Amino acid sequence: MVFRETVRILKIGIELSFNIKRRFHANKIRTIKKIR
């Protein structure tokens, strides 16, 4: 049971970090377009 909970927490953490990275990348692209 504990193992299953840990896996669920890990999946949520991975999804959150992935979303944050994607958002950061999108913001970087947007700023580069503004500069050009």
Protein backbone atom coordinates (compact mmCIF):
# COMPACT_ATOMS: atom_id res chain seq x y z
CA MET A 1 0.00 0.00 0.00
CA VAL A 2 2.77 2.44 0.93
CA PHE A 3 4.58 1.62 -2.32
CA ARG A 4 1.49 2.48 -4.37
CA GLU A 5 1.13 5.84 -2.61
CA THR A 6 4.80 6.63 -3.24
CA VAL A 7 4.43 5.82 -6.95
CA ARG A 8 1.39 8.10 -7.18
CA ILE A 9 3.28 10.95 -5.48
CA LEU A 10 6.23 10.43 -7.84
CA LYS A 11 3.95 10.53 -10.89
CA ILE A 12 2.36 13.77 -9.68
CA GLY A 13 5.79 15.29 -9.04
CA ILE A 14 7.04 14.32 -12.50
CA GLU A 15 3.94 15.78 -14.15
CA LEU A 16 4.31 19.02 -12.19
CA SER A 17 7.99 19.42 -13.07
CA PHE A 18 7.21 18.64 -16.72
CA ASN A 19 4.48 21.30 -16.83
CA ILE A 20 6.78 23.85 -15.14
CA LYS A 21 9.56 23.13 -17.64
CA ARG A 22 7.17 23.46 -20.58
CA ARG A 23 5.80 26.77 -19.26
CA PHE A 24 9.33 28.08 -18.67
CA HIS A 25 10.35 27.08 -22.23
CA ALA A 26 7.27 28.79 -23.68
CA ASN A 27 8.05 31.98 -21.76
CA LYS A 28 11.65 31.89 -23.01
CA ILE A 29 10.49 31.57 -26.63
CA ARG A 30 8.02 34.42 -26.12
CA THR A 31 10.71 36.75 -24.73
CA ILE A 32 13.05 35.87 -27.60
CA LYS A 33 10.31 36.75 -30.11
CA LYS A 34 9.74 40.08 -28.35
CA ILE A 35 13.45 40.93 -28.55
CA ARG A 36 13.66 40.19 -32.28
